[in-house]
PDB file of N, CA and C in Angstrom:
ATOM      1  N   MET A   1       3.534  -4.961 -12.804  1.00  0.00           N
ATOM      2  CA  MET A   1       4.445  -4.639 -11.723  1.00  0.00           C
ATOM      3  C   MET A   1       3.635  -4.197 -10.503  1.00  0.00           C
ATOM      4  N   GLU A   2       4.009  -4.700  -9.327  1.00  0.00           N
ATOM      5  CA  GLU A   2       3.323  -4.317  -8.094  1.00  0.00           C
ATOM      6  C   GLU A   2       3.753  -2.923  -7.675  1.00  0.00           C
ATOM      7  N   SER A   3       2.777  -2.169  -7.168  1.00  0.00           N
ATOM      8  CA  SER A   3       3.122  -0.840  -6.675  1.00  0.00           C
ATOM      9  C   SER A   3       3.693  -0.970  -5.264  1.00  0.00           C
ATOM     10  N   SER A   4       4.545  -0.043  -4.914  1.00  0.00           N
ATOM     11  CA  SER A   4       5.181  -0.048  -3.607  1.00  0.00           C
ATOM     12  C   SER A   4       4.541   1.025  -2.741  1.00  0.00           C
ATOM     13  N   ARG A   5       4.355   0.722  -1.476  1.00  0.00           N
ATOM     14  CA  ARG A   5       3.831   1.720  -0.548  1.00  0.00           C
ATOM     15  C   ARG A   5       4.617   1.623   0.754  1.00  0.00           C
ATOM     16  N   LYS A   6       4.611   2.698   1.492  1.00  0.00           N
ATOM     17  CA  LYS A   6       5.367   2.749   2.742  1.00  0.00           C
ATOM     18  C   LYS A   6       4.399   2.573   3.917  1.00  0.00           C
ATOM     19  N   ILE A   7       4.739   1.661   4.801  1.00  0.00           N
ATOM     20  CA  ILE A   7       3.979   1.422   6.026  1.00  0.00           C
ATOM     21  C   ILE A   7       4.951   1.585   7.189  1.00  0.00           C
ATOM     22  N   THR A   8       4.555   2.300   8.199  1.00  0.00           N
ATOM     23  CA  THR A   8       5.398   2.497   9.377  1.00  0.00           C
ATOM     24  C   THR A   8       5.036   1.468  10.440  1.00  0.00           C
ATOM     25  N   PHE A   9       6.039   0.759  10.934  1.00  0.00           N
ATOM     26  CA  PHE A   9       5.859  -0.211  12.009  1.00  0.00           C
ATOM     27  C   PHE A   9       6.613   0.266  13.239  1.00  0.00           C
ATOM     28  N   HIS A  10       6.052   0.024  14.395  1.00  0.00           N
ATOM     29  CA  HIS A  10       6.727   0.329  15.660  1.00  0.00           C
ATOM     30  C   HIS A  10       7.530  -0.894  16.075  1.00  0.00           C
ATOM     31  N   ILE A  11       8.759  -0.662  16.483  1.00  0.00           N
ATOM     32  CA  ILE A  11       9.652  -1.740  16.892  1.00  0.00           C
ATOM     33  C   ILE A  11      10.053  -1.529  18.351  1.00  0.00           C
ATOM     34  N   LEU A  12       9.881  -2.559  19.152  1.00  0.00           N
ATOM     35  CA  LEU A  12      10.367  -2.536  20.531  1.00  0.00           C
ATOM     36  C   LEU A  12      11.801  -3.037  20.516  1.00  0.00           C
ATOM     37  N   VAL A  13      12.701  -2.303  21.150  1.00  0.00           N
ATOM     38  CA  VAL A  13      14.124  -2.658  21.134  1.00  0.00           C
ATOM     39  C   VAL A  13      14.586  -2.951  22.554  1.00  0.00           C
ATOM     40  N   GLU A  14      15.219  -4.099  22.715  1.00  0.00           N
ATOM     41  CA  GLU A  14      15.788  -4.490  24.001  1.00  0.00           C
ATOM     42  C   GLU A  14      17.278  -4.755  23.811  1.00  0.00           C
ATOM     43  N   GLU A  15      18.062  -4.429  24.828  1.00  0.00           N
ATOM     44  CA  GLU A  15      19.497  -4.701  24.780  1.00  0.00           C
ATOM     45  C   GLU A  15      19.841  -5.796  25.778  1.00  0.00           C
ATOM     46  N   ASP A  16      20.550  -6.799  25.312  1.00  0.00           N
ATOM     47  CA  ASP A  16      21.016  -7.859  26.192  1.00  0.00           C
ATOM     48  C   ASP A  16      22.161  -7.305  27.045  1.00  0.00           C
ATOM     49  N   GLU A  17      22.007  -7.378  28.348  1.00  0.00           N
ATOM     50  CA  GLU A  17      23.000  -6.787  29.261  1.00  0.00           C
ATOM     51  C   GLU A  17      24.370  -7.441  29.146  1.00  0.00           C
ATOM     52  N   GLU A  18      24.404  -8.739  28.873  1.00  0.00           N
ATOM     53  CA  GLU A  18      25.684  -9.449  28.813  1.00  0.00           C
ATOM     54  C   GLU A  18      26.390  -9.269  27.475  1.00  0.00           C
ATOM     55  N   SER A  19      25.666  -9.454  26.380  1.00  0.00           N
ATOM     56  CA  SER A  19      26.306  -9.425  25.060  1.00  0.00           C
ATOM     57  C   SER A  19      26.268  -8.051  24.404  1.00  0.00           C
ATOM     58  N   GLY A  20      25.319  -7.222  24.825  1.00  0.00           N
ATOM     59  CA  GLY A  20      25.164  -5.910  24.203  1.00  0.00           C
ATOM     60  C   GLY A  20      24.361  -5.948  22.905  1.00  0.00           C
ATOM     61  N   TRP A  21      23.999  -7.146  22.445  1.00  0.00           N
ATOM     62  CA  TRP A  21      23.204  -7.271  21.217  1.00  0.00           C
ATOM     63  C   TRP A  21      21.811  -6.698  21.435  1.00  0.00           C
ATOM     64  N   LEU A  22      21.242  -6.195  20.363  1.00  0.00           N
ATOM     65  CA  LEU A  22      19.903  -5.623  20.401  1.00  0.00           C
ATOM     66  C   LEU A  22      18.911  -6.597  19.779  1.00  0.00           C
ATOM     67  N   THR A  23      17.744  -6.693  20.382  1.00  0.00           N
ATOM     68  CA  THR A  23      16.658  -7.506  19.854  1.00  0.00           C
ATOM     69  C   THR A  23      15.495  -6.582  19.536  1.00  0.00           C
ATOM     70  N   GLY A  24      14.933  -6.755  18.357  1.00  0.00           N
ATOM     71  CA  GLY A  24      13.776  -5.972  17.945  1.00  0.00           C
ATOM     72  C   GLY A  24      12.558  -6.856  17.810  1.00  0.00           C
ATOM     73  N   ILE A  25      11.424  -6.343  18.257  1.00  0.00           N
ATOM     74  CA  ILE A  25      10.153  -7.057  18.179  1.00  0.00           C
ATOM     75  C   ILE A  25       9.140  -6.110  17.547  1.00  0.00           C
ATOM     76  N   CYS A  26       8.406  -6.601  16.561  1.00  0.00           N
ATOM     77  CA  CYS A  26       7.352  -5.809  15.931  1.00  0.00           C
ATOM     78  C   CYS A  26       6.009  -6.317  16.465  1.00  0.00           C
ATOM     79  N   PRO A  27       5.418  -5.621  17.436  1.00  0.00           N
ATOM     80  CA  PRO A  27       4.187  -6.103  18.060  1.00  0.00           C
ATOM     81  C   PRO A  27       3.017  -6.292  17.088  1.00  0.00           C
ATOM     82  N   ALA A  28       2.992  -5.539  16.004  1.00  0.00           N
ATOM     83  CA  ALA A  28       1.891  -5.654  15.043  1.00  0.00           C
ATOM     84  C   ALA A  28       1.954  -6.939  14.230  1.00  0.00           C
ATOM     85  N   LEU A  29       3.118  -7.594  14.217  1.00  0.00           N
ATOM     86  CA  LEU A  29       3.311  -8.805  13.419  1.00  0.00           C
ATOM     87  C   LEU A  29       3.789  -9.922  14.346  1.00  0.00           C
ATOM     88  N   PRO A  30       2.875 -10.724  14.878  1.00  0.00           N
ATOM     89  CA  PRO A  30       3.247 -11.761  15.852  1.00  0.00           C
ATOM     90  C   PRO A  30       4.384 -12.652  15.350  1.00  0.00           C
ATOM     91  N   GLY A  31       5.414 -12.766  16.181  1.00  0.00           N
ATOM     92  CA  GLY A  31       6.545 -13.612  15.847  1.00  0.00           C
ATOM     93  C   GLY A  31       7.608 -12.936  15.004  1.00  0.00           C
ATOM     94  N   CYS A  32       7.418 -11.672  14.675  1.00  0.00           N
ATOM     95  CA  CYS A  32       8.388 -10.944  13.848  1.00  0.00           C
ATOM     96  C   CYS A  32       9.444 -10.334  14.762  1.00  0.00           C
ATOM     97  N   ILE A  33      10.594 -11.012  14.817  1.00  0.00           N
ATOM     98  CA  ILE A  33      11.675 -10.663  15.743  1.00  0.00           C
ATOM     99  C   ILE A  33      12.997 -10.748  14.997  1.00  0.00           C
ATOM    100  N   SER A  34      13.949  -9.897  15.355  1.00  0.00           N
ATOM    101  CA  SER A  34      15.284  -9.988  14.782  1.00  0.00           C
ATOM    102  C   SER A  34      16.288  -9.425  15.766  1.00  0.00           C
ATOM    103  N   GLN A  35      17.579  -9.521  15.406  1.00  0.00           N
ATOM    104  CA  GLN A  35      18.655  -9.035  16.266  1.00  0.00           C
ATOM    105  C   GLN A  35      19.692  -8.287  15.442  1.00  0.00           C
ATOM    106  N   GLY A  36      20.524  -7.541  16.151  1.00  0.00           N
ATOM    107  CA  GLY A  36      21.641  -6.859  15.508  1.00  0.00           C
ATOM    108  C   GLY A  36      22.647  -6.416  16.544  1.00  0.00           C
ATOM    109  N   ALA A  37      23.903  -6.307  16.118  1.00  0.00           N
ATOM    110  CA  ALA A  37      24.960  -5.864  17.022  1.00  0.00           C
ATOM    111  C   ALA A  37      24.877  -4.362  17.266  1.00  0.00           C
ATOM    112  N   THR A  38      24.341  -3.622  16.280  1.00  0.00           N
ATOM    113  CA  THR A  38      24.157  -2.172  16.400  1.00  0.00           C
ATOM    114  C   THR A  38      22.707  -1.845  16.072  1.00  0.00           C
ATOM    115  N   GLU A  39      22.305  -0.625  16.380  1.00  0.00           N
ATOM    116  CA  GLU A  39      20.930  -0.231  16.070  1.00  0.00           C
ATOM    117  C   GLU A  39      20.689  -0.212  14.558  1.00  0.00           C
ATOM    118  N   ASP A  40      21.670   0.262  13.794  1.00  0.00           N
ATOM    119  CA  ASP A  40      21.525   0.263  12.329  1.00  0.00           C
ATOM    120  C   ASP A  40      21.355  -1.158  11.789  1.00  0.00           C
ATOM    121  N   GLU A  41      22.191  -2.081  12.299  1.00  0.00           N
ATOM    122  CA  GLU A  41      22.086  -3.471  11.856  1.00  0.00           C
ATOM    123  C   GLU A  41      20.741  -4.074  12.254  1.00  0.00           C
ATOM    124  N   LEU A  42      20.306  -3.776  13.472  1.00  0.00           N
ATOM    125  CA  LEU A  42      19.008  -4.277  13.927  1.00  0.00           C
ATOM    126  C   LEU A  42      17.890  -3.781  13.027  1.00  0.00           C
ATOM    127  N   LEU A  43      17.883  -2.491  12.716  1.00  0.00           N
ATOM    128  CA  LEU A  43      16.802  -1.942  11.896  1.00  0.00           C
ATOM    129  C   LEU A  43      16.805  -2.522  10.486  1.00  0.00           C
ATOM    130  N   GLU A  44      17.989  -2.747   9.912  1.00  0.00           N
ATOM    131  CA  GLU A  44      18.060  -3.394   8.598  1.00  0.00           C
ATOM    132  C   GLU A  44      17.530  -4.825   8.682  1.00  0.00           C
ATOM    133  N   ASN A  45      17.916  -5.536   9.744  1.00  0.00           N
ATOM    134  CA  ASN A  45      17.434  -6.901   9.935  1.00  0.00           C
ATOM    135  C   ASN A  45      15.931  -6.938  10.165  1.00  0.00           C
ATOM    136  N   MET A  46      15.408  -5.943  10.880  1.00  0.00           N
ATOM    137  CA  MET A  46      13.967  -5.878  11.112  1.00  0.00           C
ATOM    138  C   MET A  46      13.218  -5.608   9.806  1.00  0.00           C
ATOM    139  N   LYS A  47      13.767  -4.758   8.934  1.00  0.00           N
ATOM    140  CA  LYS A  47      13.138  -4.523   7.631  1.00  0.00           C
ATOM    141  C   LYS A  47      13.005  -5.836   6.879  1.00  0.00           C
ATOM    142  N   GLU A  48      14.094  -6.616   6.871  1.00  0.00           N
ATOM    143  CA  GLU A  48      14.071  -7.904   6.184  1.00  0.00           C
ATOM    144  C   GLU A  48      13.060  -8.857   6.828  1.00  0.00           C
ATOM    145  N   ALA A  49      13.036  -8.898   8.162  1.00  0.00           N
ATOM    146  CA  ALA A  49      12.109  -9.775   8.875  1.00  0.00           C
ATOM    147  C   ALA A  49      10.660  -9.383   8.586  1.00  0.00           C
ATOM    148  N   ILE A  50      10.372  -8.093   8.548  1.00  0.00           N
ATOM    149  CA  ILE A  50       9.015  -7.618   8.265  1.00  0.00           C
ATOM    150  C   ILE A  50       8.603  -7.988   6.847  1.00  0.00           C
ATOM    151  N   LEU A  51       9.493  -7.766   5.881  1.00  0.00           N
ATOM    152  CA  LEU A  51       9.167  -8.123   4.494  1.00  0.00           C
ATOM    153  C   LEU A  51       8.920  -9.620   4.352  1.00  0.00           C
ATOM    154  N   LEU A  52       9.739 -10.442   4.995  1.00  0.00           N
ATOM    155  CA  LEU A  52       9.535 -11.887   4.940  1.00  0.00           C
ATOM    156  C   LEU A  52       8.243 -12.293   5.627  1.00  0.00           C
ATOM    157  N   TRP A  53       7.940 -11.673   6.759  1.00  0.00           N
ATOM    158  CA  TRP A  53       6.701 -11.964   7.484  1.00  0.00           C
ATOM    159  C   TRP A  53       5.500 -11.663   6.592  1.00  0.00           C
ATOM    160  N   LEU A  54       5.518 -10.491   5.955  1.00  0.00           N
ATOM    161  CA  LEU A  54       4.407 -10.099   5.088  1.00  0.00           C
ATOM    162  C   LEU A  54       4.291 -11.026   3.880  1.00  0.00           C
ATOM    163  N   GLU A  55       5.421 -11.445   3.345  1.00  0.00           N
ATOM    164  CA  GLU A  55       5.416 -12.361   2.193  1.00  0.00           C
ATOM    165  C   GLU A  55       4.771 -13.695   2.570  1.00  0.00           C
ATOM    166  N   VAL A  56       5.135 -14.234   3.726  1.00  0.00           N
ATOM    167  CA  VAL A  56       4.572 -15.503   4.187  1.00  0.00           C
ATOM    168  C   VAL A  56       3.071 -15.362   4.423  1.00  0.00           C
ATOM    169  N   GLU A  57       2.650 -14.279   5.069  1.00  0.00           N
ATOM    170  CA  GLU A  57       1.222 -14.073   5.318  1.00  0.00           C
ATOM    171  C   GLU A  57       0.451 -13.926   4.004  1.00  0.00           C
ATOM    172  N   ASP A  58       1.033 -13.226   3.042  1.00  0.00           N
ATOM    173  CA  ASP A  58       0.387 -13.070   1.737  1.00  0.00           C
ATOM    174  C   ASP A  58       0.186 -14.429   1.082  1.00  0.00           C
ATOM    175  N   GLU A  59       1.194 -15.282   1.165  1.00  0.00           N
ATOM    176  CA  GLU A  59       1.091 -16.627   0.574  1.00  0.00           C
ATOM    177  C   GLU A  59       0.010 -17.451   1.269  1.00  0.00           C
ATOM    178  N   LYS A  60      -0.087 -17.326   2.603  1.00  0.00           N
ATOM    179  CA  LYS A  60      -1.136 -18.042   3.343  1.00  0.00           C
ATOM    180  C   LYS A  60      -2.515 -17.617   2.847  1.00  0.00           C
ATOM    181  N   HIS A  61      -2.696 -16.307   2.669  1.00  0.00           N
ATOM    182  CA  HIS A  61      -3.997 -15.799   2.221  1.00  0.00           C
ATOM    183  C   HIS A  61      -4.296 -16.232   0.795  1.00  0.00           C
ATOM    184  N   ARG A  62      -3.280 -16.293  -0.055  1.00  0.00           N
ATOM    185  CA  ARG A  62      -3.481 -16.761  -1.430  1.00  0.00           C
ATOM    186  C   ARG A  62      -3.961 -18.204  -1.435  1.00  0.00           C
ATOM    187  N   ARG A  63      -3.362 -19.032  -0.582  1.00  0.00           N
ATOM    188  CA  ARG A  63      -3.775 -20.446  -0.520  1.00  0.00           C
ATOM    189  C   ARG A  63      -5.200 -20.568  -0.008  1.00  0.00           C
ATOM    190  N   ARG A  64      -5.583 -19.737   0.950  1.00  0.00           N
ATOM    191  CA  ARG A  64      -6.954 -19.775   1.466  1.00  0.00           C
ATOM    192  C   ARG A  64      -7.956 -19.355   0.407  1.00  0.00           C
ATOM    193  N   ARG A  65      -7.559 -18.410  -0.463  1.00  0.00           N
ATOM    194  CA  ARG A  65      -8.481 -17.931  -1.499  1.00  0.00           C
ATOM    195  C   ARG A  65      -8.652 -18.936  -2.625  1.00  0.00           C
ATOM    196  N   ASP A  66      -7.727 -19.901  -2.749  1.00  0.00           N
ATOM    197  CA  ASP A  66      -7.842 -20.927  -3.773  1.00  0.00           C
ATOM    198  C   ASP A  66      -8.885 -21.933  -3.302  1.00  0.00           C
ATOM    199  N   MET A  67     -10.098 -21.799  -3.785  1.00  0.00           N
ATOM    200  CA  MET A  67     -11.208 -22.630  -3.321  1.00  0.00           C
ATOM    201  C   MET A  67     -11.620 -23.657  -4.371  1.00  0.00           C
ATOM    202  N   SER A  68     -10.698 -24.033  -5.230  1.00  0.00           N
ATOM    203  CA  SER A  68     -11.031 -24.945  -6.311  1.00  0.00           C
ATOM    204  C   SER A  68     -11.545 -26.289  -5.793  1.00  0.00           C
ATOM    205  N   GLY A  69     -11.093 -26.710  -4.611  1.00  0.00           N
ATOM    206  CA  GLY A  69     -11.540 -27.990  -4.073  1.00  0.00           C
ATOM    207  C   GLY A  69     -12.719 -27.879  -3.121  1.00  0.00           C
ATOM    208  N   MET A  70     -13.249 -26.682  -2.901  1.00  0.00           N
ATOM    209  CA  MET A  70     -14.341 -26.508  -1.959  1.00  0.00           C
ATOM    210  C   MET A  70     -15.638 -27.063  -2.530  1.00  0.00           C
ATOM    211  N   ILE A  71     -16.385 -27.814  -1.699  1.00  0.00           N
ATOM    212  CA  ILE A  71     -17.645 -28.390  -2.160  1.00  0.00           C
ATOM    213  C   ILE A  71     -18.856 -27.707  -1.533  1.00  0.00           C
ATOM    214  N   GLY A  72     -18.655 -26.788  -0.620  1.00  0.00           N
ATOM    215  CA  GLY A  72     -19.780 -26.090  -0.020  1.00  0.00           C
ATOM    216  C   GLY A  72     -19.418 -25.503   1.320  1.00  0.00           C
ATOM    217  N   GLN A  73     -20.414 -24.912   1.954  1.00  0.00           N
ATOM    218  CA  GLN A  73     -20.234 -24.289   3.258  1.00  0.00           C
ATOM    219  C   GLN A  73     -21.232 -24.899   4.215  1.00  0.00           C
ATOM    220  N   ARG A  74     -20.815 -25.143   5.441  1.00  0.00           N
ATOM    221  CA  ARG A  74     -21.682 -25.724   6.455  1.00  0.00           C
ATOM    222  C   ARG A  74     -21.685 -24.824   7.691  1.00  0.00           C
ATOM    223  N   GLU A  75     -22.768 -24.907   8.447  1.00  0.00           N
ATOM    224  CA  GLU A  75     -22.859 -24.201   9.719  1.00  0.00           C
ATOM    225  C   GLU A  75     -22.817 -25.254  10.815  1.00  0.00           C
ATOM    226  N   LEU A  76     -22.046 -25.009  11.861  1.00  0.00           N
ATOM    227  CA  LEU A  76     -21.867 -25.971  12.931  1.00  0.00           C
ATOM    228  C   LEU A  76     -21.998 -25.263  14.267  1.00  0.00           C
ATOM    229  N   ALA A  77     -22.940 -25.704  15.090  1.00  0.00           N
ATOM    230  CA  ALA A  77     -23.112 -25.149  16.433  1.00  0.00           C
ATOM    231  C   ALA A  77     -22.408 -26.073  17.420  1.00  0.00           C
ATOM    232  N   VAL A  78     -21.630 -25.502  18.336  1.00  0.00           N
ATOM    233  CA  VAL A  78     -20.904 -26.274  19.318  1.00  0.00           C
ATOM    234  C   VAL A  78     -21.252 -25.752  20.716  1.00  0.00           C
ATOM    235  N   CYS A  79     -21.683 -26.624  21.590  1.00  0.00           N
ATOM    236  CA  CYS A  79     -21.966 -26.240  22.978  1.00  0.00           C
ATOM    237  C   CYS A  79     -20.670 -26.304  23.763  1.00  0.00           C
ATOM    238  N   VAL A  80     -20.374 -25.209  24.455  1.00  0.00           N
ATOM    239  CA  VAL A  80     -19.144 -25.192  25.257  1.00  0.00           C
ATOM    240  C   VAL A  80     -19.443 -24.892  26.696  1.00  0.00           C
TER     241      VAL A  80
END
């Protein structure tokens, strides 16, 4: 069983002037954005968005660590 730990994220909250809906952005997690009609709904939606973001990133890292097809490492110099 995986252990659980608490991480605090800062969320930027914006209110749409026309609709009144709130948008949350987590600057620490690029592309992690959600919305809600109320602040409580927004924060619940942001929790879900953060968990999904972390899950996707974890899967990306797992795939990178799978080096079964790797045949070696090369060094490449590029003039720019």
